[in-house]
Protein backbone atom coordinates (compact mmCIF):
# COMPACT_ATOMS: atom_id res chain seq x y z
CA MET A 1 -4.19 26.09 -13.79
CA ASP A 2 -1.76 25.70 -16.85
CA ILE A 3 -0.72 22.35 -15.60
CA SER A 4 2.17 21.89 -18.08
CA ARG A 5 3.40 25.23 -16.31
CA TYR A 6 2.96 23.53 -13.44
CA HIS A 7 5.02 20.32 -14.41
CA VAL A 8 7.39 22.23 -15.46
CA LEU A 9 7.91 24.31 -11.90
CA LEU A 10 7.30 20.89 -10.36
CA LYS A 11 10.41 19.33 -11.84
CA GLN A 12 12.62 22.23 -10.99
CA MET A 13 11.73 22.15 -7.53
CA LEU A 14 12.39 18.50 -7.47
CA ASN A 15 15.90 19.29 -9.08
CA GLU A 16 16.68 21.41 -6.53
CA LYS A 17 16.54 19.38 -3.53
CA THR A 18 18.96 19.39 -1.01
CA VAL A 19 22.09 16.53 -0.45
CA ASP A 20 19.84 16.09 2.99
CA ASP A 21 16.56 15.55 1.20
CA GLN A 22 18.18 13.17 -1.24
CA ASN A 23 19.50 11.14 1.80
CA SER A 24 16.39 11.16 3.35
CA ASN A 25 14.14 9.49 0.33
CA SER A 26 17.64 6.88 -0.49
CA ARG A 27 14.80 4.04 1.21
CA VAL A 28 11.92 4.62 1.73
CA LEU A 29 9.37 2.57 3.46
CA ILE A 30 5.73 3.07 2.35
CA VAL A 31 3.35 1.25 5.06
CA ASP A 32 -0.09 0.15 3.78
CA GLY A 33 -1.37 1.73 7.77
CA LEU A 34 -4.90 0.17 7.01
CA ASN A 35 -3.83 -3.15 6.09
CA THR A 36 -1.29 -3.18 8.96
CA PHE A 37 -3.86 -2.51 11.39
CA ILE A 38 -6.51 -4.86 10.77
CA ARG A 39 -4.20 -7.34 10.22
CA ALA A 40 -2.64 -6.64 13.89
CA TYR A 41 -5.96 -5.96 15.36
CA ALA A 42 -7.25 -9.32 14.25
CA ALA A 43 -4.27 -11.52 15.07
CA SER A 44 -3.04 -9.92 18.43
CA PRO A 45 -5.08 -10.66 21.44
CA THR A 46 -2.89 -7.99 23.69
CA THR A 47 -4.79 -6.62 26.67
CA ASN A 48 -3.58 -3.40 28.85
CA SER A 49 -3.23 -3.25 32.34
CA ASP A 50 -6.97 -2.56 32.52
CA GLY A 51 -7.71 -5.51 30.52
CA GLU A 52 -8.75 -3.82 27.27
CA HIS A 53 -8.02 -4.72 23.98
CA ILE A 54 -5.04 -3.17 22.14
CA GLY A 55 -3.92 -5.44 19.80
CA GLY A 56 -4.16 -3.21 17.04
CA ILE A 57 -1.73 -0.53 18.46
CA SER A 58 0.87 -2.54 19.73
CA GLY A 59 0.64 -5.31 17.06
CA PHE A 60 0.98 -1.84 14.11
CA LEU A 61 4.10 -0.96 16.21
CA LEU A 62 6.00 -3.62 16.48
CA SER A 63 4.87 -4.65 13.11
CA ILE A 64 6.45 -1.75 11.36
CA GLY A 65 9.09 -1.73 14.61
CA HIS A 66 10.34 -5.33 12.94
CA ALA A 67 9.85 -3.96 9.16
CA ILE A 68 12.04 -0.54 9.84
CA LYS A 69 14.89 -2.93 11.84
CA ALA A 70 15.17 -5.41 8.71
CA ILE A 71 14.91 -2.61 5.92
CA ASN A 72 16.82 0.12 7.68
CA PRO A 73 14.91 2.53 5.73
CA THR A 74 15.99 6.54 5.81
CA ARG A 75 12.29 7.39 5.69
CA VAL A 76 8.88 6.07 6.54
CA ILE A 77 5.49 6.85 5.28
CA VAL A 78 2.77 5.55 6.58
CA THR A 79 -0.40 6.03 4.24
CA PHE A 80 -4.46 5.02 5.38
CA ASP A 81 -7.63 4.85 2.78
CA GLY A 82 -9.51 8.47 2.91
CA LYS A 83 -13.12 9.09 3.20
CA ASN A 84 -14.83 7.84 0.22
CA GLY A 85 -11.69 6.37 -1.28
CA SER A 86 -12.88 3.44 -3.08
CA ALA A 87 -15.98 6.05 -4.85
CA ARG A 88 -13.89 5.94 -8.25
CA ARG A 89 -14.08 2.39 -8.23
CA ARG A 90 -17.59 1.16 -6.86
CA SER A 91 -19.00 3.71 -9.59
CA ILE A 92 -17.42 1.32 -12.11
CA TYR A 93 -17.94 -2.03 -10.35
CA PRO A 94 -20.66 -1.45 -7.39
CA ASP A 95 -20.12 -5.10 -5.82
CA TYR A 96 -16.23 -3.54 -5.45
CA LYS A 97 -15.06 -4.67 -1.97
CA ALA A 98 -18.97 -5.70 -0.99
CA ASN A 99 -17.74 -8.65 0.36
CA ARG A 100 -15.39 -6.59 3.23
CA LYS A 101 -16.88 -7.47 6.96
CA VAL A 102 -14.84 -4.46 8.18
CA LYS A 103 -15.43 -1.39 6.69
CA ILE A 104 -13.34 1.47 8.27
CA ARG A 105 -11.66 4.64 7.20
CA LEU A 106 -10.09 7.28 8.92
CA ASN A 107 -12.01 10.59 9.27
CA ARG A 108 -10.77 12.87 12.21
CA SER A 109 -13.71 15.19 12.08
CA GLU A 110 -16.04 12.51 13.60
CA THR A 111 -16.88 11.56 16.80
CA VAL A 112 -15.63 7.96 17.84
CA ASP A 113 -18.42 5.43 19.37
CA LYS A 114 -16.91 4.17 22.67
CA GLN A 115 -18.30 0.91 21.28
CA ASP A 116 -15.99 0.98 18.60
CA THR A 117 -12.94 -0.56 19.98
CA GLN A 118 -11.25 -0.85 16.21
CA LEU A 119 -12.10 2.73 15.13
CA GLN A 120 -10.92 3.93 18.94
CA GLN A 121 -7.23 2.23 18.48
CA LEU A 122 -7.18 3.40 15.22
CA VAL A 123 -7.57 6.83 15.94
CA ARG A 124 -5.46 6.44 19.11
CA LEU A 125 -2.57 4.81 16.83
CA ILE A 126 -2.69 7.90 14.73
CA LYS A 127 -1.58 10.19 17.79
CA TYR A 128 1.51 7.82 18.38
CA LEU A 129 2.37 7.99 14.70
CA GLU A 130 1.95 11.92 14.94
CA ILE A 131 4.73 12.01 17.57
CA MET A 132 7.07 9.92 15.98
CA PRO A 133 9.59 10.46 12.81
CA VAL A 134 7.03 9.32 10.20
CA THR A 135 4.96 10.83 7.64
CA THR A 136 1.23 9.89 7.79
CA ILE A 137 -0.96 10.56 5.07
CA VAL A 138 -4.82 10.49 4.61
CA VAL A 139 -6.42 12.11 1.46
CA ASP A 140 -10.08 12.19 1.18
CA GLY A 141 -11.78 10.66 -2.34
CA ALA A 142 -8.23 8.26 -2.29
CA GLU A 143 -7.48 4.86 -1.37
CA ALA A 144 -4.34 4.08 0.16
CA ASP A 145 -3.30 1.97 -3.00
CA ASP A 146 -3.19 4.61 -5.24
CA VAL A 147 -1.50 6.80 -2.65
CA ILE A 148 1.26 4.52 -2.36
CA ALA A 149 1.32 3.77 -6.02
CA TYR A 150 1.52 7.94 -6.47
CA ILE A 151 4.55 8.45 -4.61
CA ALA A 152 6.25 5.00 -5.52
CA ASN A 153 6.10 5.41 -9.27
CA ASP A 154 5.78 9.11 -9.46
CA TYR A 155 6.84 11.46 -6.74
CA LEU A 156 10.15 9.15 -5.75
CA LEU A 157 10.99 8.29 -9.43
CA ASP A 158 13.62 10.64 -10.16
CA LYS A 159 14.92 10.75 -6.61
CA GLU A 160 16.88 7.10 -7.33
CA SER A 161 14.96 5.87 -4.28
CA GLN A 162 14.91 2.53 -2.92
CA VAL A 163 11.22 1.62 -2.35
CA PHE A 164 10.12 -0.76 0.07
CA ILE A 165 6.05 -1.60 -0.08
CA MET A 166 4.73 -3.01 3.50
CA SER A 167 1.30 -5.03 2.90
CA THR A 168 0.18 -8.28 2.31
CA ASP A 169 -2.28 -6.80 -0.36
CA LYS A 170 -0.99 -8.57 -3.71
CA ASP A 171 -1.94 -5.96 -5.94
CA PHE A 172 1.42 -4.07 -5.14
CA MET A 173 3.07 -6.84 -6.83
CA GLN A 174 2.55 -5.27 -9.97
CA LEU A 175 4.70 -2.01 -8.69
CA VAL A 176 7.46 -4.45 -8.29
CA ASN A 177 10.80 -3.12 -10.86
CA GLU A 178 14.33 -2.03 -9.72
CA GLN A 179 13.58 0.18 -7.81
CA ILE A 180 10.40 -0.87 -6.05
CA HIS A 181 9.92 -3.65 -3.69
CA VAL A 182 7.24 -5.40 -1.75
CA TRP A 183 7.75 -6.66 2.06
CA SER A 184 5.05 -9.29 3.24
CA PRO A 185 4.73 -9.03 7.12
CA THR A 186 3.16 -12.51 7.46
CA LYS A 187 5.44 -14.44 5.11
CA LYS A 188 8.32 -12.42 6.10
CA LYS A 189 9.76 -11.97 3.04
CA MET A 190 11.24 -9.40 0.52
CA PHE A 191 9.51 -9.39 -3.27
CA GLU A 192 11.92 -8.65 -5.63
CA GLN A 193 11.01 -9.37 -9.62
CA GLN A 194 12.29 -12.84 -9.74
CA ASP A 195 9.64 -13.60 -6.74
CA VAL A 196 6.85 -12.47 -8.21
CA GLN A 197 7.73 -14.82 -10.77
CA LEU A 198 8.26 -17.70 -8.97
CA ASP A 199 5.48 -17.64 -7.01
CA PHE A 200 2.78 -16.20 -9.32
CA GLY A 201 4.26 -17.78 -12.34
CA VAL A 202 3.75 -13.73 -14.20
CA CYS A 203 6.35 -10.80 -14.61
CA PRO A 204 5.29 -8.48 -12.54
CA GLN A 205 4.31 -6.18 -15.79
CA ASN A 206 1.24 -8.75 -16.01
CA PHE A 207 0.03 -8.95 -12.50
CA ALA A 208 -2.74 -6.92 -12.93
CA LEU A 209 -3.91 -8.52 -15.94
CA TYR A 210 -3.16 -12.38 -13.98
CA ARG A 211 -5.68 -10.62 -11.51
CA SER A 212 -7.89 -9.22 -13.50
CA LEU A 213 -8.39 -12.71 -15.22
CA ILE A 214 -8.46 -15.57 -12.08
CA GLY A 215 -10.33 -12.68 -9.85
CA ASP A 216 -9.84 -11.77 -6.51
CA THR A 217 -11.89 -12.34 -3.81
CA SER A 218 -10.30 -9.76 -1.12
CA ASP A 219 -11.89 -7.05 -3.71
CA ASN A 220 -14.99 -9.04 -4.63
CA ILE A 221 -13.72 -9.26 -8.11
CA PRO A 222 -14.91 -12.65 -9.97
CA GLY A 223 -12.39 -12.89 -13.00
CA VAL A 224 -13.27 -15.07 -15.56
CA VAL A 225 -15.75 -17.65 -14.51
CA GLY A 226 -13.93 -21.66 -14.16
CA LEU A 227 -10.57 -20.10 -14.77
CA GLY A 228 -7.63 -20.37 -12.29
CA ALA A 229 -4.84 -20.01 -12.10
CA PRO A 230 -2.90 -23.06 -13.12
CA THR A 231 -5.33 -23.12 -15.95
CA LEU A 232 -4.69 -19.59 -17.25
CA LEU A 233 -0.40 -20.18 -17.45
CA GLU A 234 -0.98 -23.52 -19.51
CA LYS A 235 -3.20 -21.97 -21.86
CA PHE A 236 -1.69 -18.74 -22.27
CA PRO A 237 2.11 -18.89 -21.51
CA ASP A 238 3.87 -15.83 -22.84
CA LEU A 239 1.90 -14.41 -19.84
CA SER A 240 5.07 -15.69 -17.79
CA ILE A 241 7.69 -14.20 -20.04
CA GLN A 242 6.36 -11.06 -21.83
CA PRO A 243 5.18 -8.09 -20.71
CA MET A 244 1.60 -7.65 -22.29
CA THR A 245 -1.17 -4.82 -22.76
CA LEU A 246 -4.77 -5.67 -22.82
CA ASN A 247 -5.18 -5.25 -26.08
CA GLN A 248 -2.10 -7.21 -26.92
CA PHE A 249 -3.59 -9.97 -24.65
CA PHE A 250 -6.72 -10.47 -26.44
CA ASP A 251 -5.02 -10.54 -29.84
CA TYR A 252 -3.03 -13.54 -28.36
CA ALA A 253 -6.04 -14.83 -26.72
CA ARG A 254 -7.90 -14.37 -30.36
CA VAL A 255 -4.50 -16.32 -31.73
CA LEU A 256 -4.96 -19.26 -29.97
CA ALA A 257 -8.71 -19.43 -30.07
CA ALA A 258 -8.42 -19.81 -33.52
CA ASP A 259 -5.91 -22.84 -33.59
CA SER A 260 -7.60 -24.45 -30.55
CA LYS A 261 -10.77 -26.37 -29.85
CA ALA A 262 -10.08 -25.46 -26.02
CA LYS A 263 -13.37 -23.92 -24.49
CA ILE A 264 -11.08 -21.60 -22.30
CA TYR A 265 -10.26 -19.19 -24.85
CA GLN A 266 -13.73 -18.59 -25.99
CA LYS A 267 -14.58 -17.83 -22.34
CA VAL A 268 -11.63 -15.57 -21.98
CA LEU A 269 -13.05 -13.63 -25.20
CA GLN A 270 -16.58 -13.61 -24.22
CA ALA A 271 -15.56 -12.04 -20.70
CA GLU A 272 -13.44 -9.34 -22.63
CA SER A 273 -15.58 -6.40 -21.21
CA ASP A 274 -15.57 -7.49 -17.77
CA VAL A 275 -11.90 -8.31 -17.41
CA ARG A 276 -11.43 -4.85 -18.86
CA MET A 277 -13.52 -3.38 -16.01
CA TYR A 278 -11.51 -5.50 -13.45
CA TYR A 279 -8.40 -4.15 -14.94
CA GLU A 280 -9.25 -0.38 -14.66
CA ILE A 281 -10.14 -0.99 -10.85
CA ILE A 282 -6.60 -3.48 -9.85
CA GLN A 283 -4.03 -1.57 -11.93
CA LEU A 284 -2.18 0.48 -9.92
CA ASN A 285 0.39 1.79 -12.58
CA ASP A 286 -1.72 4.81 -14.34
CA SER A 287 -2.81 7.27 -11.69
CA ASN A 288 -6.23 7.62 -10.32
CA ILE A 289 -5.66 10.24 -7.82
CA ASN A 290 -6.86 13.93 -8.66
CA THR A 291 -4.29 17.26 -9.35
CA SER A 292 -5.66 18.17 -6.11
CA ASN A 293 -4.93 15.43 -4.45
CA LYS A 294 -1.80 14.96 -6.04
CA MET A 295 -0.54 18.36 -4.33
CA LYS A 296 -2.52 17.26 -1.15
CA ILE A 297 -0.05 14.38 -1.03
CA MET A 298 3.39 16.27 -2.11
CA ASP A 299 2.51 18.62 0.62
CA SER A 300 2.94 16.10 3.15
CA LEU A 301 5.76 14.81 1.55
CA GLU A 302 7.31 17.69 1.54
CA SER A 303 7.17 19.24 4.85
CA GLU A 304 9.09 18.22 7.75
CA VAL A 305 9.13 14.91 9.52
CA PRO A 306 9.52 15.39 13.27
CA LYS A 307 11.57 14.15 15.63
CA LEU A 308 10.48 11.26 18.11
CA SER A 309 8.73 13.24 21.12
CA ASN A 310 10.37 10.31 23.55
CA ILE A 311 8.48 12.28 26.53
CA LYS A 312 5.14 12.06 24.98
CA PHE A 313 5.47 8.72 23.71
CA HIS A 314 6.47 7.21 27.26
CA THR A 315 3.31 9.30 28.34
CA MET A 316 1.03 7.63 26.07
CA LEU A 317 2.12 4.49 26.92
CA LEU A 318 1.18 4.82 30.40
CA GLN A 319 -2.08 6.66 29.64
CA ASP A 320 -2.94 3.53 27.70
CA GLY A 321 -1.54 0.79 29.87
CA MET A 322 0.84 -0.30 27.43
CA THR A 323 4.37 0.11 28.81
CA ALA A 324 4.26 -3.68 29.06
CA THR A 325 3.20 -4.31 25.70
CA ILE A 326 6.72 -3.33 24.21
CA LYS A 327 9.63 -5.41 25.42
CA ASN A 328 12.06 -2.62 26.80
CA PRO A 329 10.25 0.37 25.09
CA GLU A 330 13.33 3.00 25.36
CA LEU A 331 15.51 0.16 23.88
CA TRP A 332 13.19 -0.52 21.17
CA LEU A 333 12.76 3.17 20.16
CA ARG A 334 15.95 3.93 19.63
CA GLU A 335 16.27 0.83 17.46
CA VAL A 336 13.58 1.78 15.43
CA THR A 337 13.90 5.18 15.11
CA LYS A 338 17.83 6.41 15.25
CA LYS A 339 18.26 6.39 11.62
CA LEU A 340 15.25 8.17 10.92
CA ASP A 341 15.44 10.67 13.73
CA GLN A 342 18.99 11.60 11.33
CA HIS A 343 16.85 13.05 8.87
CA SER A 344 14.23 14.45 11.07
CA LEU A 345 13.52 18.11 12.04
CA ASP A 346 12.54 19.50 15.65
CA ILE A 347 9.16 20.91 14.72
């Protein structure tokens, strides 16, 4: 394939989008699906009429419903990690996410173990999403983080969209700019550029570097031993005000080390190769998605979004004994899906 020709044609196609398409992408909520589901599953003790735990499903639906009502998006995209999504990062750093107790990936071709209630709920949740006016994306060989970053940074770049990423994963802070925002469902807070600066002490452009240096326990990335956020910001104050590349940071570190006897500078310089490796794993701005998967993502995004199937949704609630888990489900559905349905089609 002539990739350069492909991109020319692709740009022409995007420029030819109708006004309706532009409107549907004016305010886009992108949900980190597995992050939201696992949080709901762990936090919600809700059971159905048969006494079975269904907190993963009900908690997820209520959580995104709250976000939709707060953000008022014209479109919702839900992404999940695909099978072998972490393979590339593990090839770089074998201990990546090795500390995670929950290792679940959505693979629709697999038979679900009836004892695995978490996976059962996740598969059932997908059925609910399929009859709602949302776009659900699962791409084998890609993590949701990379898919979200690609959609926000590339697909929506020329559409003048306002993008809202829903996740508790702090790695998304590196994407924040005038167009991209991060909604934390636990803090009920929208992170803008100034919020990243206030909460973490660095500008969003330096967030991946910041995490590479201090570490990320959730992904089992140790960072520089003995270096915490307060020390980092004290010893490297320019991180707070000046966007830096990796090369610029280590040049900066060498200058500081030459003028100071503080051991932390030597520690950072001695860990340079590790920090570069961690950065490659953490950073999301340079797309790590291959061309084939990019085309699959684009196909999903360009496909028609269905309108809510009201009868099917209520039928599923009855089947799952969940009619009491959502207060006044008919009103809830109207409030959550009304604006989304305006940009959806009957299929």
